[in-house]
């Protein structure tokens, strides 16, 4: 998990620097908000953000969480394809919904070996 933590620290630092430098914009679009912080290489940074946030899920020792991570990656790809300008807004909505799923897992889930652990 350390590589995901390191990647998350780098990505969050780049995003923080871009927000502090500004300008930060938010515009109303159809069914979402369009945020902008003037990132250079924004696509690469967003991809690194997705890897940092979803990678640990995919490699989880809990099978249900690993499956959730794979479903989450598919959902993120769908959201980006659906509306790249509104990705941050749609991602936040998706994260709110999936937070409920994670809370249910933490309350009722039982540890089961993941696919990654079964192959080793």
PDB file of N, CA and C in Angstrom:
ATOM      1  N   UNK A   1       0.809  -1.205   0.000  1.00  0.00           N
ATOM      2  CA  UNK A   1       0.000   0.000   0.000  1.00  0.00           C
ATOM      3  C   UNK A   1       0.856   1.274   0.000  1.00  0.00           C
ATOM      4  N   UNK A   2       2.118   1.160   0.377  1.00  0.00           N
ATOM      5  CA  UNK A   2       2.990   2.339   0.451  1.00  0.00           C
ATOM      6  C   UNK A   2       3.095   3.072  -0.886  1.00  0.00           C
ATOM      7  N   UNK A   3       3.209   2.362  -2.029  1.00  0.00           N
ATOM      8  CA  UNK A   3       3.254   3.111  -3.295  1.00  0.00           C
ATOM      9  C   UNK A   3       1.993   3.947  -3.539  1.00  0.00           C
ATOM     10  N   UNK A   4       0.838   3.441  -3.132  1.00  0.00           N
ATOM     11  CA  UNK A   4      -0.401   4.202  -3.307  1.00  0.00           C
ATOM     12  C   UNK A   4      -0.422   5.426  -2.398  1.00  0.00           C
ATOM     13  N   UNK A   5       0.109   5.279  -1.203  1.00  0.00           N
ATOM     14  CA  UNK A   5       0.199   6.417  -0.286  1.00  0.00           C
ATOM     15  C   UNK A   5       1.139   7.470  -0.875  1.00  0.00           C
ATOM     16  N   UNK A   6       2.304   7.033  -1.352  1.00  0.00           N
ATOM     17  CA  UNK A   6       3.256   7.969  -1.946  1.00  0.00           C
ATOM     18  C   UNK A   6       2.676   8.689  -3.157  1.00  0.00           C
ATOM     19  N   UNK A   7       2.003   7.937  -4.014  1.00  0.00           N
ATOM     20  CA  UNK A   7       1.379   8.550  -5.185  1.00  0.00           C
ATOM     21  C   UNK A   7       0.297   9.536  -4.760  1.00  0.00           C
ATOM     22  N   UNK A   8      -0.482   9.174  -3.752  1.00  0.00           N
ATOM     23  CA  UNK A   8      -1.521  10.074  -3.248  1.00  0.00           C
ATOM     24  C   UNK A   8      -0.945  11.362  -2.689  1.00  0.00           C
ATOM     25  N   UNK A   9       0.185  11.273  -1.993  1.00  0.00           N
ATOM     26  CA  UNK A   9       0.841  12.469  -1.442  1.00  0.00           C
ATOM     27  C   UNK A   9       1.316  13.381  -2.579  1.00  0.00           C
ATOM     28  N   UNK A  10       1.924  12.789  -3.603  1.00  0.00           N
ATOM     29  CA  UNK A  10       2.403  13.592  -4.738  1.00  0.00           C
ATOM     30  C   UNK A  10       1.236  14.263  -5.456  1.00  0.00           C
ATOM     31  N   UNK A  11       0.185  13.489  -5.756  1.00  0.00           N
ATOM     32  CA  UNK A  11      -0.975  14.027  -6.469  1.00  0.00           C
ATOM     33  C   UNK A  11      -1.659  15.118  -5.652  1.00  0.00           C
ATOM     34  N   UNK A  12      -1.839  14.878  -4.364  1.00  0.00           N
ATOM     35  CA  UNK A  12      -2.502  15.895  -3.540  1.00  0.00           C
ATOM     36  C   UNK A  12      -1.656  17.162  -3.451  1.00  0.00           C
ATOM     37  N   UNK A  13      -0.338  17.020  -3.416  1.00  0.00           N
ATOM     38  CA  UNK A  13       0.536  18.198  -3.412  1.00  0.00           C
ATOM     39  C   UNK A  13       0.425  19.002  -4.702  1.00  0.00           C
ATOM     40  N   UNK A  14       0.387  18.301  -5.839  1.00  0.00           N
ATOM     41  CA  UNK A  14       0.228  18.992  -7.123  1.00  0.00           C
ATOM     42  C   UNK A  14      -1.124  19.699  -7.222  1.00  0.00           C
ATOM     43  N   UNK A  15      -2.174  19.030  -6.771  1.00  0.00           N
ATOM     44  CA  UNK A  15      -3.505  19.642  -6.804  1.00  0.00           C
ATOM     45  C   UNK A  15      -3.589  20.840  -5.861  1.00  0.00           C
ATOM     46  N   UNK A  16      -3.003  20.719  -4.680  1.00  0.00           N
ATOM     47  CA  UNK A  16      -3.003  21.829  -3.726  1.00  0.00           C
ATOM     48  C   UNK A  16      -2.260  23.025  -4.308  1.00  0.00           C
ATOM     49  N   UNK A  17      -1.100  22.784  -4.889  1.00  0.00           N
ATOM     50  CA  UNK A  17      -0.320  23.874  -5.484  1.00  0.00           C
ATOM     51  C   UNK A  17      -1.111  24.573  -6.598  1.00  0.00           C
ATOM     52  N   UNK A  18      -1.785  23.790  -7.437  1.00  0.00           N
ATOM     53  CA  UNK A  18      -2.581  24.385  -8.516  1.00  0.00           C
ATOM     54  C   UNK A  18      -3.748  25.198  -7.969  1.00  0.00           C
ATOM     55  N   UNK A  19      -4.372  24.727  -6.893  1.00  0.00           N
ATOM     56  CA  UNK A  19      -5.496  25.480  -6.310  1.00  0.00           C
ATOM     57  C   UNK A  19      -5.032  26.761  -5.644  1.00  0.00           C
ATOM     58  N   UNK A  20      -3.887  26.713  -4.977  1.00  0.00           N
ATOM     59  CA  UNK A  20      -3.369  27.906  -4.306  1.00  0.00           C
ATOM     60  C   UNK A  20      -2.938  28.950  -5.336  1.00  0.00           C
ATOM     61  N   UNK A  21      -2.303  28.511  -6.421  1.00  0.00           N
ATOM     62  CA  UNK A  21      -1.886  29.442  -7.480  1.00  0.00           C
ATOM     63  C   UNK A  21      -3.086  30.048  -8.195  1.00  0.00           C
ATOM     64  N   UNK A  22      -4.156  29.248  -8.344  1.00  0.00           N
ATOM     65  CA  UNK A  22      -5.366  29.729  -8.994  1.00  0.00           C
ATOM     66  C   UNK A  22      -5.185  29.928 -10.481  1.00  0.00           C
ATOM     67  N   UNK A  23      -6.167  30.390 -11.156  1.00  0.00           N
ATOM     68  CA  UNK A  23      -7.512  30.625 -10.642  1.00  0.00           C
ATOM     69  C   UNK A  23      -8.301  29.314 -10.528  1.00  0.00           C
ATOM     70  N   UNK A  24      -9.210  29.299  -9.578  1.00  0.00           N
ATOM     71  CA  UNK A  24     -10.121  28.175  -9.392  1.00  0.00           C
ATOM     72  C   UNK A  24     -11.475  28.605  -9.927  1.00  0.00           C
ATOM     73  N   UNK A  25     -12.054  27.784 -10.794  1.00  0.00           N
ATOM     74  CA  UNK A  25     -13.352  28.120 -11.371  1.00  0.00           C
ATOM     75  C   UNK A  25     -14.342  26.987 -11.137  1.00  0.00           C
ATOM     76  N   UNK A  26     -15.600  27.351 -11.095  1.00  0.00           N
ATOM     77  CA  UNK A  26     -16.696  26.375 -11.032  1.00  0.00           C
ATOM     78  C   UNK A  26     -17.839  26.941 -11.859  1.00  0.00           C
ATOM     79  N   UNK A  27     -18.278  26.171 -12.824  1.00  0.00           N
ATOM     80  CA  UNK A  27     -19.351  26.627 -13.714  1.00  0.00           C
ATOM     81  C   UNK A  27     -20.452  25.580 -13.755  1.00  0.00           C
ATOM     82  N   UNK A  28     -21.671  26.050 -13.800  1.00  0.00           N
ATOM     83  CA  UNK A  28     -22.817  25.166 -13.896  1.00  0.00           C
ATOM     84  C   UNK A  28     -22.935  24.639 -15.322  1.00  0.00           C
ATOM     85  N   UNK A  29     -23.025  23.326 -15.459  1.00  0.00           N
ATOM     86  CA  UNK A  29     -23.223  22.685 -16.753  1.00  0.00           C
ATOM     87  C   UNK A  29     -24.453  21.777 -16.622  1.00  0.00           C
ATOM     88  N   UNK A  30     -24.805  21.099 -17.682  1.00  0.00           N
ATOM     89  CA  UNK A  30     -25.953  20.203 -17.620  1.00  0.00           C
ATOM     90  C   UNK A  30     -25.661  19.042 -16.670  1.00  0.00           C
ATOM     91  N   UNK A  31     -26.415  18.943 -15.588  1.00  0.00           N
ATOM     92  CA  UNK A  31     -26.370  17.835 -14.632  1.00  0.00           C
ATOM     93  C   UNK A  31     -25.078  17.709 -13.835  1.00  0.00           C
ATOM     94  N   UNK A  32     -24.211  18.694 -13.877  1.00  0.00           N
ATOM     95  CA  UNK A  32     -22.985  18.635 -13.088  1.00  0.00           C
ATOM     96  C   UNK A  32     -22.362  20.027 -12.996  1.00  0.00           C
ATOM     97  N   UNK A  33     -21.347  20.129 -12.154  1.00  0.00           N
ATOM     98  CA  UNK A  33     -20.526  21.337 -12.079  1.00  0.00           C
ATOM     99  C   UNK A  33     -19.216  21.056 -12.795  1.00  0.00           C
ATOM    100  N   UNK A  34     -18.707  22.047 -13.487  1.00  0.00           N
ATOM    101  CA  UNK A  34     -17.430  21.935 -14.177  1.00  0.00           C
ATOM    102  C   UNK A  34     -16.411  22.743 -13.392  1.00  0.00           C
ATOM    103  N   UNK A  35     -15.442  22.045 -12.812  1.00  0.00           N
ATOM    104  CA  UNK A  35     -14.400  22.694 -12.023  1.00  0.00           C
ATOM    105  C   UNK A  35     -13.145  22.866 -12.871  1.00  0.00           C
ATOM    106  N   UNK A  36     -12.383  23.905 -12.587  1.00  0.00           N
ATOM    107  CA  UNK A  36     -11.115  24.115 -13.260  1.00  0.00           C
ATOM    108  C   UNK A  36     -10.100  24.723 -12.309  1.00  0.00           C
ATOM    109  N   UNK A  37      -8.854  24.215 -12.384  1.00  0.00           N
ATOM    110  CA  UNK A  37      -7.781  24.789 -11.564  1.00  0.00           C
ATOM    111  C   UNK A  37      -6.532  25.040 -12.410  1.00  0.00           C
ATOM    112  N   UNK A  38      -6.686  24.998 -13.719  1.00  0.00           N
ATOM    113  CA  UNK A  38      -5.570  25.317 -14.608  1.00  0.00           C
ATOM    114  C   UNK A  38      -4.418  24.346 -14.527  1.00  0.00           C
ATOM    115  N   UNK A  39      -4.709  23.059 -14.480  1.00  0.00           N
ATOM    116  CA  UNK A  39      -3.654  22.052 -14.414  1.00  0.00           C
ATOM    117  C   UNK A  39      -2.981  21.864 -15.758  1.00  0.00           C
ATOM    118  N   UNK A  40      -1.671  21.763 -15.729  1.00  0.00           N
ATOM    119  CA  UNK A  40      -0.941  21.281 -16.893  1.00  0.00           C
ATOM    120  C   UNK A  40      -0.867  19.768 -16.715  1.00  0.00           C
ATOM    121  N   UNK A  41      -0.984  19.042 -17.782  1.00  0.00           N
ATOM    122  CA  UNK A  41      -0.986  17.567 -17.716  1.00  0.00           C
ATOM    123  C   UNK A  41      -2.102  17.070 -16.803  1.00  0.00           C
ATOM    124  N   UNK A  42      -3.255  17.706 -16.890  1.00  0.00           N
ATOM    125  CA  UNK A  42      -4.381  17.356 -16.032  1.00  0.00           C
ATOM    126  C   UNK A  42      -4.821  15.912 -16.169  1.00  0.00           C
ATOM    127  N   UNK A  43      -4.795  15.383 -17.396  1.00  0.00           N
ATOM    128  CA  UNK A  43      -5.204  13.996 -17.608  1.00  0.00           C
ATOM    129  C   UNK A  43      -4.299  13.015 -16.879  1.00  0.00           C
ATOM    130  N   UNK A  44      -3.001  13.283 -16.895  1.00  0.00           N
ATOM    131  CA  UNK A  44      -2.036  12.413 -16.207  1.00  0.00           C
ATOM    132  C   UNK A  44      -2.258  12.487 -14.697  1.00  0.00           C
ATOM    133  N   UNK A  45      -2.492  13.676 -14.184  1.00  0.00           N
ATOM    134  CA  UNK A  45      -2.701  13.850 -12.745  1.00  0.00           C
ATOM    135  C   UNK A  45      -3.992  13.172 -12.308  1.00  0.00           C
ATOM    136  N   UNK A  46      -5.044  13.304 -13.103  1.00  0.00           N
ATOM    137  CA  UNK A  46      -6.313  12.638 -12.773  1.00  0.00           C
ATOM    138  C   UNK A  46      -6.134  11.126 -12.813  1.00  0.00           C
ATOM    139  N   UNK A  47      -5.414  10.606 -13.799  1.00  0.00           N
ATOM    140  CA  UNK A  47      -5.160   9.160 -13.866  1.00  0.00           C
ATOM    141  C   UNK A  47      -4.375   8.692 -12.641  1.00  0.00           C
ATOM    142  N   UNK A  48      -3.374   9.460 -12.229  1.00  0.00           N
ATOM    143  CA  UNK A  48      -2.601   9.109 -11.038  1.00  0.00           C
ATOM    144  C   UNK A  48      -3.480   9.149  -9.790  1.00  0.00           C
ATOM    145  N   UNK A  49      -4.399  10.110  -9.729  1.00  0.00           N
ATOM    146  CA  UNK A  49      -5.338  10.200  -8.616  1.00  0.00           C
ATOM    147  C   UNK A  49      -6.219   8.950  -8.543  1.00  0.00           C
ATOM    148  N   UNK A  50      -6.708   8.515  -9.684  1.00  0.00           N
ATOM    149  CA  UNK A  50      -7.554   7.316  -9.726  1.00  0.00           C
ATOM    150  C   UNK A  50      -6.760   6.085  -9.293  1.00  0.00           C
ATOM    151  N   UNK A  51      -5.515   5.964  -9.754  1.00  0.00           N
ATOM    152  CA  UNK A  51      -4.672   4.837  -9.340  1.00  0.00           C
ATOM    153  C   UNK A  51      -4.435   4.887  -7.829  1.00  0.00           C
ATOM    154  N   UNK A  52      -4.150   6.065  -7.299  1.00  0.00           N
ATOM    155  CA  UNK A  52      -3.887   6.193  -5.861  1.00  0.00           C
ATOM    156  C   UNK A  52      -5.113   5.847  -5.026  1.00  0.00           C
ATOM    157  N   UNK A  53      -6.286   6.225  -5.487  1.00  0.00           N
ATOM    158  CA  UNK A  53      -7.488   5.985  -4.682  1.00  0.00           C
ATOM    159  C   UNK A  53      -8.087   4.604  -4.909  1.00  0.00           C
ATOM    160  N   UNK A  54      -7.939   4.048  -6.093  1.00  0.00           N
ATOM    161  CA  UNK A  54      -8.570   2.753  -6.386  1.00  0.00           C
ATOM    162  C   UNK A  54      -7.608   1.577  -6.282  1.00  0.00           C
ATOM    163  N   UNK A  55      -6.324   1.822  -6.417  1.00  0.00           N
ATOM    164  CA  UNK A  55      -5.349   0.734  -6.404  1.00  0.00           C
ATOM    165  C   UNK A  55      -5.362  -0.060  -5.121  1.00  0.00           C
ATOM    166  N   UNK A  56      -5.455   0.607  -4.002  1.00  0.00           N
ATOM    167  CA  UNK A  56      -5.470  -0.115  -2.722  1.00  0.00           C
ATOM    168  C   UNK A  56      -6.730  -0.954  -2.570  1.00  0.00           C
ATOM    169  N   UNK A  57      -7.829  -0.519  -3.150  1.00  0.00           N
ATOM    170  CA  UNK A  57      -9.054  -1.317  -3.108  1.00  0.00           C
ATOM    171  C   UNK A  57      -8.871  -2.620  -3.881  1.00  0.00           C
ATOM    172  N   UNK A  58      -8.314  -2.516  -5.081  1.00  0.00           N
ATOM    173  CA  UNK A  58      -8.130  -3.691  -5.930  1.00  0.00           C
ATOM    174  C   UNK A  58      -7.209  -4.706  -5.258  1.00  0.00           C
ATOM    175  N   UNK A  59      -6.228  -4.246  -4.508  1.00  0.00           N
ATOM    176  CA  UNK A  59      -5.271  -5.141  -3.853  1.00  0.00           C
ATOM    177  C   UNK A  59      -5.652  -5.499  -2.418  1.00  0.00           C
ATOM    178  N   UNK A  60      -6.866  -5.187  -2.009  1.00  0.00           N
ATOM    179  CA  UNK A  60      -7.314  -5.463  -0.646  1.00  0.00           C
ATOM    180  C   UNK A  60      -7.320  -6.955  -0.342  1.00  0.00           C
ATOM    181  N   UNK A  61      -7.097  -7.293   0.903  1.00  0.00           N
ATOM    182  CA  UNK A  61      -7.189  -8.670   1.370  1.00  0.00           C
ATOM    183  C   UNK A  61      -8.628  -9.137   1.530  1.00  0.00           C
ATOM    184  N   UNK A  62      -9.564  -8.221   1.490  1.00  0.00           N
ATOM    185  CA  UNK A  62     -10.982  -8.564   1.541  1.00  0.00           C
ATOM    186  C   UNK A  62     -11.474  -8.740   0.103  1.00  0.00           C
ATOM    187  N   UNK A  63     -11.997  -9.906  -0.175  1.00  0.00           N
ATOM    188  CA  UNK A  63     -12.459 -10.186  -1.538  1.00  0.00           C
ATOM    189  C   UNK A  63     -13.519  -9.184  -1.995  1.00  0.00           C
ATOM    190  N   UNK A  64     -14.479  -8.885  -1.130  1.00  0.00           N
ATOM    191  CA  UNK A  64     -15.545  -7.953  -1.498  1.00  0.00           C
ATOM    192  C   UNK A  64     -14.991  -6.561  -1.821  1.00  0.00           C
ATOM    193  N   UNK A  65     -13.995  -6.125  -1.080  1.00  0.00           N
ATOM    194  CA  UNK A  65     -13.388  -4.815  -1.334  1.00  0.00           C
ATOM    195  C   UNK A  65     -12.600  -4.836  -2.641  1.00  0.00           C
ATOM    196  N   UNK A  66     -11.908  -5.945  -2.920  1.00  0.00           N
ATOM    197  CA  UNK A  66     -11.175  -6.056  -4.186  1.00  0.00           C
ATOM    198  C   UNK A  66     -12.145  -6.012  -5.370  1.00  0.00           C
ATOM    199  N   UNK A  67     -13.272  -6.704  -5.257  1.00  0.00           N
ATOM    200  CA  UNK A  67     -14.288  -6.666  -6.318  1.00  0.00           C
ATOM    201  C   UNK A  67     -14.849  -5.253  -6.429  1.00  0.00           C
ATOM    202  N   UNK A  68     -15.108  -4.642  -5.289  1.00  0.00           N
ATOM    203  CA  UNK A  68     -15.589  -3.259  -5.282  1.00  0.00           C
ATOM    204  C   UNK A  68     -14.596  -2.340  -5.991  1.00  0.00           C
ATOM    205  N   UNK A  69     -13.304  -2.554  -5.772  1.00  0.00           N
ATOM    206  CA  UNK A  69     -12.276  -1.754  -6.430  1.00  0.00           C
ATOM    207  C   UNK A  69     -12.327  -1.893  -7.937  1.00  0.00           C
ATOM    208  N   UNK A  70     -12.542  -3.120  -8.411  1.00  0.00           N
ATOM    209  CA  UNK A  70     -12.629  -3.336  -9.860  1.00  0.00           C
ATOM    210  C   UNK A  70     -13.889  -2.682 -10.435  1.00  0.00           C
ATOM    211  N   UNK A  71     -15.002  -2.809  -9.718  1.00  0.00           N
ATOM    212  CA  UNK A  71     -16.244  -2.157 -10.156  1.00  0.00           C
ATOM    213  C   UNK A  71     -16.058  -0.641 -10.136  1.00  0.00           C
ATOM    214  N   UNK A  72     -15.376  -0.138  -9.116  1.00  0.00           N
ATOM    215  CA  UNK A  72     -15.127   1.299  -9.001  1.00  0.00           C
ATOM    216  C   UNK A  72     -14.286   1.811 -10.172  1.00  0.00           C
ATOM    217  N   UNK A  73     -13.278   1.048 -10.568  1.00  0.00           N
ATOM    218  CA  UNK A  73     -12.466   1.446 -11.722  1.00  0.00           C
ATOM    219  C   UNK A  73     -13.318   1.509 -12.992  1.00  0.00           C
ATOM    220  N   UNK A  74     -14.192   0.535 -13.167  1.00  0.00           N
ATOM    221  CA  UNK A  74     -15.082   0.546 -14.332  1.00  0.00           C
ATOM    222  C   UNK A  74     -16.023   1.752 -14.280  1.00  0.00           C
ATOM    223  N   UNK A  75     -16.538   2.060 -13.091  1.00  0.00           N
ATOM    224  CA  UNK A  75     -17.445   3.206 -12.937  1.00  0.00           C
ATOM    225  C   UNK A  75     -16.710   4.513 -13.211  1.00  0.00           C
ATOM    226  N   UNK A  76     -15.478   4.617 -12.751  1.00  0.00           N
ATOM    227  CA  UNK A  76     -14.688   5.833 -12.981  1.00  0.00           C
ATOM    228  C   UNK A  76     -14.437   6.019 -14.480  1.00  0.00           C
ATOM    229  N   UNK A  77     -14.113   4.941 -15.173  1.00  0.00           N
ATOM    230  CA  UNK A  77     -13.907   5.027 -16.620  1.00  0.00           C
ATOM    231  C   UNK A  77     -15.195   5.471 -17.307  1.00  0.00           C
ATOM    232  N   UNK A  78     -16.318   4.933 -16.860  1.00  0.00           N
ATOM    233  CA  UNK A  78     -17.609   5.319 -17.430  1.00  0.00           C
ATOM    234  C   UNK A  78     -17.898   6.797 -17.181  1.00  0.00           C
ATOM    235  N   UNK A  79     -17.660   7.262 -15.961  1.00  0.00           N
ATOM    236  CA  UNK A  79     -17.913   8.672 -15.631  1.00  0.00           C
ATOM    237  C   UNK A  79     -17.025   9.605 -16.456  1.00  0.00           C
ATOM    238  N   UNK A  80     -15.765   9.232 -16.624  1.00  0.00           N
ATOM    239  CA  UNK A  80     -14.850  10.061 -17.415  1.00  0.00           C
ATOM    240  C   UNK A  80     -15.296  10.095 -18.870  1.00  0.00           C
ATOM    241  N   UNK A  81     -15.745   8.970 -19.370  1.00  0.00           N
ATOM    242  CA  UNK A  81     -16.221   8.908 -20.761  1.00  0.00           C
ATOM    243  C   UNK A  81     -17.526   9.673 -20.924  1.00  0.00           C
ATOM    244  N   UNK A  82     -18.369   9.601 -19.907  1.00  0.00           N
ATOM    245  CA  UNK A  82     -19.667  10.266 -19.948  1.00  0.00           C
ATOM    246  C   UNK A  82     -19.513  11.777 -20.061  1.00  0.00           C
ATOM    247  N   UNK A  83     -18.659  12.345 -19.215  1.00  0.00           N
ATOM    248  CA  UNK A  83     -18.507  13.806 -19.194  1.00  0.00           C
ATOM    249  C   UNK A  83     -17.169  14.154 -18.560  1.00  0.00           C
ATOM    250  N   UNK A  84     -16.139  14.270 -19.357  1.00  0.00           N
ATOM    251  CA  UNK A  84     -14.801  14.543 -18.831  1.00  0.00           C
ATOM    252  C   UNK A  84     -14.728  15.904 -18.148  1.00  0.00           C
ATOM    253  N   UNK A  85     -15.451  16.898 -18.659  1.00  0.00           N
ATOM    254  CA  UNK A  85     -15.440  18.216 -18.027  1.00  0.00           C
ATOM    255  C   UNK A  85     -16.076  18.196 -16.643  1.00  0.00           C
ATOM    256  N   UNK A  86     -16.978  17.262 -16.417  1.00  0.00           N
ATOM    257  CA  UNK A  86     -17.650  17.181 -15.131  1.00  0.00           C
ATOM    258  C   UNK A  86     -17.158  16.029 -14.282  1.00  0.00           C
ATOM    259  N   UNK A  87     -15.971  15.498 -14.610  1.00  0.00           N
ATOM    260  CA  UNK A  87     -15.477  14.308 -13.914  1.00  0.00           C
ATOM    261  C   UNK A  87     -15.407  14.503 -12.401  1.00  0.00           C
ATOM    262  N   UNK A  88     -14.860  15.625 -11.943  1.00  0.00           N
ATOM    263  CA  UNK A  88     -14.715  15.852 -10.495  1.00  0.00           C
ATOM    264  C   UNK A  88     -16.078  15.865  -9.814  1.00  0.00           C
ATOM    265  N   UNK A  89     -17.041  16.511 -10.420  1.00  0.00           N
ATOM    266  CA  UNK A  89     -18.379  16.581  -9.856  1.00  0.00           C
ATOM    267  C   UNK A  89     -19.037  15.204  -9.831  1.00  0.00           C
ATOM    268  N   UNK A  90     -18.948  14.477 -10.948  1.00  0.00           N
ATOM    269  CA  UNK A  90     -19.541  13.144 -11.010  1.00  0.00           C
ATOM    270  C   UNK A  90     -18.829  12.174 -10.077  1.00  0.00           C
ATOM    271  N   UNK A  91     -17.510  12.293  -9.989  1.00  0.00           N
ATOM    272  CA  UNK A  91     -16.730  11.438  -9.083  1.00  0.00           C
ATOM    273  C   UNK A  91     -17.179  11.656  -7.639  1.00  0.00           C
ATOM    274  N   UNK A  92     -17.403  12.904  -7.249  1.00  0.00           N
ATOM    275  CA  UNK A  92     -17.846  13.194  -5.877  1.00  0.00           C
ATOM    276  C   UNK A  92     -19.220  12.587  -5.598  1.00  0.00           C
ATOM    277  N   UNK A  93     -20.108  12.665  -6.574  1.00  0.00           N
ATOM    278  CA  UNK A  93     -21.420  12.033  -6.416  1.00  0.00           C
ATOM    279  C   UNK A  93     -21.294  10.529  -6.274  1.00  0.00           C
ATOM    280  N   UNK A  94     -20.458   9.917  -7.118  1.00  0.00           N
ATOM    281  CA  UNK A  94     -20.218   8.479  -7.042  1.00  0.00           C
ATOM    282  C   UNK A  94     -19.584   8.110  -5.695  1.00  0.00           C
ATOM    283  N   UNK A  95     -18.647   8.919  -5.229  1.00  0.00           N
ATOM    284  CA  UNK A  95     -17.990   8.643  -3.950  1.00  0.00           C
ATOM    285  C   UNK A  95     -18.981   8.691  -2.791  1.00  0.00           C
ATOM    286  N   UNK A  96     -19.931   9.596  -2.854  1.00  0.00           N
ATOM    287  CA  UNK A  96     -20.958   9.664  -1.803  1.00  0.00           C
ATOM    288  C   UNK A  96     -21.789   8.387  -1.777  1.00  0.00           C
ATOM    289  N   UNK A  97     -22.155   7.903  -2.941  1.00  0.00           N
ATOM    290  CA  UNK A  97     -22.948   6.667  -3.018  1.00  0.00           C
ATOM    291  C   UNK A  97     -22.137   5.476  -2.520  1.00  0.00           C
ATOM    292  N   UNK A  98     -20.897   5.368  -2.972  1.00  0.00           N
ATOM    293  CA  UNK A  98     -20.089   4.215  -2.593  1.00  0.00           C
ATOM    294  C   UNK A  98     -19.635   4.258  -1.135  1.00  0.00           C
ATOM    295  N   UNK A  99     -19.615   5.427  -0.527  1.00  0.00           N
ATOM    296  CA  UNK A  99     -19.295   5.511   0.904  1.00  0.00           C
ATOM    297  C   UNK A  99     -20.301   4.707   1.724  1.00  0.00           C
ATOM    298  N   UNK A 100     -21.550   4.722   1.289  1.00  0.00           N
ATOM    299  CA  UNK A 100     -22.564   3.904   1.950  1.00  0.00           C
ATOM    300  C   UNK A 100     -22.256   2.422   1.827  1.00  0.00           C
ATOM    301  N   UNK A 101     -21.778   1.998   0.642  1.00  0.00           N
ATOM    302  CA  UNK A 101     -21.420   0.593   0.441  1.00  0.00           C
ATOM    303  C   UNK A 101     -20.243   0.198   1.332  1.00  0.00           C
ATOM    304  N   UNK A 102     -19.259   1.070   1.452  1.00  0.00           N
ATOM    305  CA  UNK A 102     -18.109   0.785   2.318  1.00  0.00           C
ATOM    306  C   UNK A 102     -18.554   0.702   3.780  1.00  0.00           C
ATOM    307  N   UNK A 103     -19.425   1.607   4.201  1.00  0.00           N
ATOM    308  CA  UNK A 103     -19.928   1.569   5.579  1.00  0.00           C
ATOM    309  C   UNK A 103     -20.670   0.261   5.856  1.00  0.00           C
ATOM    310  N   UNK A 104     -21.464  -0.202   4.904  1.00  0.00           N
ATOM    311  CA  UNK A 104     -22.161  -1.485   5.068  1.00  0.00           C
ATOM    312  C   UNK A 104     -21.172  -2.640   5.161  1.00  0.00           C
ATOM    313  N   UNK A 105     -20.131  -2.590   4.333  1.00  0.00           N
ATOM    314  CA  UNK A 105     -19.118  -3.645   4.402  1.00  0.00           C
ATOM    315  C   UNK A 105     -18.423  -3.655   5.762  1.00  0.00           C
ATOM    316  N   UNK A 106     -18.052  -2.508   6.246  1.00  0.00           N
ATOM    317  CA  UNK A 106     -17.364  -2.445   7.532  1.00  0.00           C
ATOM    318  C   UNK A 106     -18.251  -2.947   8.667  1.00  0.00           C
ATOM    319  N   UNK A 107     -19.539  -2.731   8.535  1.00  0.00           N
ATOM    320  CA  UNK A 107     -20.466  -3.175   9.575  1.00  0.00           C
ATOM    321  C   UNK A 107     -20.763  -4.664   9.491  1.00  0.00           C
ATOM    322  N   UNK A 108     -20.927  -5.188   8.274  1.00  0.00           N
ATOM    323  CA  UNK A 108     -21.415  -6.556   8.110  1.00  0.00           C
ATOM    324  C   UNK A 108     -20.463  -7.495   7.378  1.00  0.00           C
ATOM    325  N   UNK A 109     -19.361  -6.986   6.799  1.00  0.00           N
ATOM    326  CA  UNK A 109     -18.466  -7.815   5.996  1.00  0.00           C
ATOM    327  C   UNK A 109     -17.654  -8.794   6.821  1.00  0.00           C
ATOM    328  N   UNK A 110     -17.332  -9.920   6.191  1.00  0.00           N
ATOM    329  CA  UNK A 110     -16.469 -10.924   6.803  1.00  0.00           C
ATOM    330  C   UNK A 110     -15.216 -11.055   5.949  1.00  0.00           C
ATOM    331  N   UNK A 111     -14.055 -11.219   6.567  1.00  0.00           N
ATOM    332  CA  UNK A 111     -12.840 -11.362   5.766  1.00  0.00           C
ATOM    333  C   UNK A 111     -12.869 -12.661   4.953  1.00  0.00           C
ATOM    334  N   UNK A 112     -12.562 -12.541   3.669  1.00  0.00           N
ATOM    335  CA  UNK A 112     -12.385 -13.684   2.777  1.00  0.00           C
ATOM    336  C   UNK A 112     -11.180 -13.380   1.917  1.00  0.00           C
ATOM    337  N   UNK A 113     -10.402 -14.390   1.584  1.00  0.00           N
ATOM    338  CA  UNK A 113      -9.224 -14.123   0.748  1.00  0.00           C
ATOM    339  C   UNK A 113      -9.616 -13.499  -0.588  1.00  0.00           C
ATOM    340  N   UNK A 114      -8.818 -12.549  -1.032  1.00  0.00           N
ATOM    341  CA  UNK A 114      -9.064 -11.920  -2.320  1.00  0.00           C
ATOM    342  C   UNK A 114      -8.471 -12.772  -3.431  1.00  0.00           C
ATOM    343  N   UNK A 115      -8.791 -12.407  -4.660  1.00  0.00           N
ATOM    344  CA  UNK A 115      -8.234 -13.106  -5.815  1.00  0.00           C
ATOM    345  C   UNK A 115      -6.717 -12.985  -5.845  1.00  0.00           C
ATOM    346  N   UNK A 116      -6.188 -11.821  -5.471  1.00  0.00           N
ATOM    347  CA  UNK A 116      -4.740 -11.605  -5.476  1.00  0.00           C
ATOM    348  C   UNK A 116      -4.041 -12.547  -4.477  1.00  0.00           C
ATOM    349  N   UNK A 117      -4.650 -12.767  -3.314  1.00  0.00           N
ATOM    350  CA  UNK A 117      -4.046 -13.637  -2.311  1.00  0.00           C
ATOM    351  C   UNK A 117      -4.186 -15.103  -2.704  1.00  0.00           C
ATOM    352  N   UNK A 118      -5.236 -15.456  -3.431  1.00  0.00           N
ATOM    353  CA  UNK A 118      -5.425 -16.835  -3.856  1.00  0.00           C
ATOM    354  C   UNK A 118      -4.394 -17.251  -4.897  1.00  0.00           C
ATOM    355  N   UNK A 119      -3.912 -16.271  -5.684  1.00  0.00           N
ATOM    356  CA  UNK A 119      -2.943 -16.582  -6.737  1.00  0.00           C
ATOM    357  C   UNK A 119      -1.521 -16.702  -6.207  1.00  0.00           C
ATOM    358  N   UNK A 120      -1.275 -16.237  -4.984  1.00  0.00           N
ATOM    359  CA  UNK A 120       0.090 -16.299  -4.445  1.00  0.00           C
ATOM    360  C   UNK A 120       0.340 -17.536  -3.634  1.00  0.00           C
TER     361      UNK A 120
END
